[in-house]
Amino acid sequence: MTQEEERELRAQLARLQQEHRDLDAAIAALQESPGSDLIQVQRLKKRKLHLRDRISFIEDQLTPDIIA
């Protein structure tokens, strides 16, 4: 992996982590509000899980393989 590719992955990782935190806050706010839309909350949670999977994938790519 070139330094440019690593830099791009790290930038993408930072954006995804920020979006994950934003979704967490949005979900908490929706759940606390009276009469919240449960379907919307479920959609946001699904998106959050998708982001978590993508974040894990990128983190795995950035972690060097260690041959034991």
C-alpha atoms as a PDB file:
ATOM      1  CA  MET A   1       0.000   0.000   0.000  1.00  0.00           C
ATOM      2  CA  THR A   2       1.397   3.366  -0.977  1.00  0.00           C
ATOM      3  CA  GLN A   3       1.509   6.314   1.385  1.00  0.00           C
ATOM      4  CA  GLU A   4      -1.120   8.068  -0.737  1.00  0.00           C
ATOM      5  CA  GLU A   5      -3.501   5.096  -0.445  1.00  0.00           C
ATOM      6  CA  GLU A   6      -2.915   4.922   3.288  1.00  0.00           C
ATOM      7  CA  ARG A   7      -3.560   8.655   3.645  1.00  0.00           C
ATOM      8  CA  GLU A   8      -6.829   8.319   1.699  1.00  0.00           C
ATOM      9  CA  LEU A   9      -7.934   5.364   3.820  1.00  0.00           C
ATOM     10  CA  ARG A  10      -7.156   7.261   7.021  1.00  0.00           C
ATOM     11  CA  ALA A  11      -9.153  10.267   5.778  1.00  0.00           C
ATOM     12  CA  GLN A  12     -12.074   8.024   4.862  1.00  0.00           C
ATOM     13  CA  LEU A  13     -11.808   6.315   8.243  1.00  0.00           C
ATOM     14  CA  ALA A  14     -11.971   9.660  10.041  1.00  0.00           C
ATOM     15  CA  ARG A  15     -15.075  10.686   8.037  1.00  0.00           C
ATOM     16  CA  LEU A  16     -16.814   7.384   8.758  1.00  0.00           C
ATOM     17  CA  GLN A  17     -15.995   7.580  12.466  1.00  0.00           C
ATOM     18  CA  GLN A  18     -17.411  11.115  12.608  1.00  0.00           C
ATOM     19  CA  GLU A  19     -20.578  10.024  10.807  1.00  0.00           C
ATOM     20  CA  HIS A  20     -20.870   7.083  13.238  1.00  0.00           C
ATOM     21  CA  ARG A  21     -20.654   9.466  16.215  1.00  0.00           C
ATOM     22  CA  ASP A  22     -23.196  11.814  14.604  1.00  0.00           C
ATOM     23  CA  LEU A  23     -25.616   8.936  14.063  1.00  0.00           C
ATOM     24  CA  ASP A  24     -25.160   7.870  17.667  1.00  0.00           C
ATOM     25  CA  ALA A  25     -26.144  11.354  18.821  1.00  0.00           C
ATOM     26  CA  ALA A  26     -29.093  11.505  16.411  1.00  0.00           C
ATOM     27  CA  ILE A  27     -30.372   8.113  17.571  1.00  0.00           C
ATOM     28  CA  ALA A  28     -30.110   9.150  21.216  1.00  0.00           C
ATOM     29  CA  ALA A  29     -31.963  12.399  20.530  1.00  0.00           C
ATOM     30  CA  LEU A  30     -34.730  10.613  18.627  1.00  0.00           C
ATOM     31  CA  GLN A  31     -35.166   8.002  21.335  1.00  0.00           C
ATOM     32  CA  GLU A  32     -35.457  10.666  24.021  1.00  0.00           C
ATOM     33  CA  SER A  33     -38.058  12.699  22.168  1.00  0.00           C
ATOM     34  CA  PRO A  34     -41.701  11.853  22.809  1.00  0.00           C
ATOM     35  CA  GLY A  35     -43.471  10.231  19.886  1.00  0.00           C
ATOM     36  CA  SER A  36     -40.249   9.381  18.099  1.00  0.00           C
ATOM     37  CA  ASP A  37     -40.450   7.544  14.794  1.00  0.00           C
ATOM     38  CA  LEU A  38     -39.356   3.977  15.558  1.00  0.00           C
ATOM     39  CA  ILE A  39     -38.845   3.138  11.893  1.00  0.00           C
ATOM     40  CA  GLN A  40     -36.505   6.106  11.507  1.00  0.00           C
ATOM     41  CA  VAL A  41     -34.578   5.007  14.605  1.00  0.00           C
ATOM     42  CA  GLN A  42     -34.240   1.501  13.164  1.00  0.00           C
ATOM     43  CA  ARG A  43     -32.977   2.895   9.851  1.00  0.00           C
ATOM     44  CA  LEU A  44     -30.393   5.000  11.625  1.00  0.00           C
ATOM     45  CA  LYS A  45     -29.261   2.015  13.690  1.00  0.00           C
ATOM     46  CA  LYS A  46     -28.919  -0.079  10.535  1.00  0.00           C
ATOM     47  CA  ARG A  47     -26.853   2.664   8.907  1.00  0.00           C
ATOM     48  CA  LYS A  48     -24.727   2.875  12.052  1.00  0.00           C
ATOM     49  CA  LEU A  49     -24.056  -0.882  11.921  1.00  0.00           C
ATOM     50  CA  HIS A  50     -23.101  -0.614   8.256  1.00  0.00           C
ATOM     51  CA  LEU A  51     -20.673   2.181   9.130  1.00  0.00           C
ATOM     52  CA  ARG A  52     -19.189   0.105  11.945  1.00  0.00           C
ATOM     53  CA  ASP A  53     -18.571  -2.759   9.508  1.00  0.00           C
ATOM     54  CA  ARG A  54     -16.931  -0.403   7.007  1.00  0.00           C
ATOM     55  CA  ILE A  55     -14.785   1.164   9.758  1.00  0.00           C
ATOM     56  CA  SER A  56     -13.628  -2.286  10.871  1.00  0.00           C
ATOM     57  CA  PHE A  57     -12.783  -3.224   7.276  1.00  0.00           C
ATOM     58  CA  ILE A  58     -10.666  -0.102   6.791  1.00  0.00           C
ATOM     59  CA  GLU A  59      -8.943  -0.557  10.151  1.00  0.00           C
ATOM     60  CA  ASP A  60      -8.050  -4.110   9.119  1.00  0.00           C
ATOM     61  CA  GLN A  61      -6.574  -2.814   5.871  1.00  0.00           C
ATOM     62  CA  LEU A  62      -4.452  -0.277   7.756  1.00  0.00           C
ATOM     63  CA  THR A  63      -3.164  -2.838  10.251  1.00  0.00           C
ATOM     64  CA  PRO A  64      -0.009  -4.449   8.895  1.00  0.00           C
ATOM     65  CA  ASP A  65       0.013  -8.214   8.551  1.00  0.00           C
ATOM     66  CA  ILE A  66       2.326  -9.809  11.064  1.00  0.00           C
ATOM     67  CA  ILE A  67       3.723 -13.170  10.104  1.00  0.00           C
ATOM     68  CA  ALA A  68       4.114 -15.241  13.244  1.00  0.00           C
END
